[in-house]
Structure formats: C-alpha cells, structure tokens
Amino acid sequence: CVRGDHLFEGTKKDNTADALRRNRLPVGEATSWAKLRAVDVLAIRAAHAAGAVSFCALGRQYDMSDTTIRYIVRRRTWKQLL
C-alpha cells in the first residue's frame, strides 16, 4: 500500500510481528520449510505429556533434535496449535 496513513516506522522485527498479528505470514505446515505436520506436533505433545517418551526418543522418531522437540512440547514453536 502506498497510502501514508497505512505506514508506520519500525524495524524488520516490528514488520514481521505486525504481519503475524494480521495473519499475513504462513505458519506451521503452510510454510515451505515445515518438516512436521500439525498431527505430528499434537502426537509429540501427547506422547510427552503421557510421560512415556523422552525428548531424545521423540527426536529420533521424528528425525529432529531433542531441542526442537523440547521447543514443540513447551510451545516455543508451533504456538498456533493449542
């Protein structure tokens, strides 16, 4: 848009946050780089909540690092899924 009243000054981080708030960026499996589907994320969270599987074991199962699995479980990533 070229209307001056639609523009505001900010950093790249501000611009990205604004785009996310307005649902103008793809998230989750809608991105081209997603390695998991929403169903996988929910299964990871359920398996860990049940206490039967460690981050490392889930990482091996889904070919992800244990840190990535931890971020999924703790909702640092895939926040859009409840």
Protein backbone atom coordinates (compact mmCIF):
# COMPACT_ATOMS: atom_id res chain seq x y z
CA CYS A 1 0.00 0.00 0.00
CA VAL A 2 1.23 3.50 -0.76
CA ARG A 3 -1.17 5.40 1.50
CA GLY A 4 0.81 7.29 4.09
CA ASP A 5 -1.74 6.66 6.84
CA HIS A 6 -1.23 2.91 6.38
CA LEU A 7 2.50 3.11 7.02
CA PHE A 8 4.43 3.29 10.27
CA GLU A 9 8.09 3.42 11.13
CA GLY A 10 9.66 0.29 12.54
CA THR A 11 12.33 -2.37 12.28
CA LYS A 12 12.20 -5.63 10.32
CA LYS A 13 11.24 -7.33 13.61
CA ASP A 14 8.35 -4.87 14.06
CA ASN A 15 7.22 -5.51 10.48
CA THR A 16 7.29 -9.29 10.94
CA ALA A 17 5.38 -9.08 14.23
CA ASP A 18 2.75 -6.88 12.54
CA ALA A 19 2.41 -9.33 9.63
CA LEU A 20 1.95 -12.25 12.06
CA ARG A 21 -0.69 -10.33 14.04
CA ARG A 22 -2.59 -9.65 10.83
CA ASN A 23 -2.28 -13.29 9.65
CA ARG A 24 -0.28 -12.29 6.60
CA LEU A 25 2.52 -14.83 7.02
CA PRO A 26 2.27 -18.60 6.69
CA VAL A 27 2.80 -20.60 9.88
CA GLY A 28 3.14 -24.29 10.68
CA GLU A 29 2.78 -26.71 7.83
CA ALA A 30 1.71 -23.89 5.50
CA THR A 31 5.35 -22.84 5.27
CA SER A 32 7.55 -24.34 2.59
CA TRP A 33 10.19 -25.40 5.12
CA ALA A 34 7.95 -27.28 7.57
CA LYS A 35 9.23 -30.77 8.36
CA LEU A 36 6.26 -31.71 10.53
CA ARG A 37 2.52 -31.63 10.11
CA ALA A 38 0.09 -30.42 12.76
CA VAL A 39 -0.89 -34.02 13.50
CA ASP A 40 2.76 -34.87 14.22
CA VAL A 41 3.12 -31.92 16.61
CA LEU A 42 0.00 -32.95 18.51
CA ALA A 43 1.26 -36.53 18.70
CA ILE A 44 4.63 -35.35 20.04
CA ARG A 45 2.95 -33.26 22.72
CA ALA A 46 0.60 -36.10 23.68
CA ALA A 47 3.40 -38.66 23.88
CA HIS A 48 5.49 -36.42 26.09
CA ALA A 49 2.51 -35.47 28.29
CA ALA A 50 1.87 -39.15 28.90
CA GLY A 51 5.40 -39.30 30.33
CA ALA A 52 6.33 -42.38 28.39
CA VAL A 53 8.76 -40.86 25.88
CA SER A 54 11.80 -38.58 26.31
CA PHE A 55 12.75 -35.63 24.13
CA CYS A 56 15.66 -37.65 22.73
CA ALA A 57 13.48 -40.63 21.83
CA LEU A 58 10.91 -38.39 20.15
CA GLY A 59 13.71 -36.63 18.30
CA ARG A 60 14.97 -39.92 16.91
CA GLN A 61 11.46 -40.99 15.97
CA TYR A 62 10.73 -37.76 14.05
CA ASP A 63 14.32 -37.16 12.83
CA MET A 64 14.54 -33.91 14.81
CA SER A 65 16.89 -32.67 17.51
CA ASP A 66 15.86 -33.08 21.13
CA THR A 67 15.95 -29.25 21.37
CA THR A 68 13.40 -28.95 18.56
CA ILE A 69 11.15 -31.47 20.29
CA ARG A 70 11.53 -29.60 23.59
CA TYR A 71 10.53 -26.32 21.89
CA ILE A 72 7.46 -28.02 20.39
CA VAL A 73 6.41 -29.51 23.73
CA ARG A 74 6.94 -26.23 25.58
CA ARG A 75 5.14 -24.31 22.83
CA ARG A 76 8.05 -22.10 21.87
CA THR A 77 7.35 -23.27 18.33
CA TRP A 78 4.04 -24.32 16.78
CA LYS A 79 2.32 -21.89 19.17
CA GLN A 80 -0.73 -21.71 16.93
CA LEU A 81 -1.70 -25.26 17.94
CA LEU A 82 -3.42 -25.48 21.28
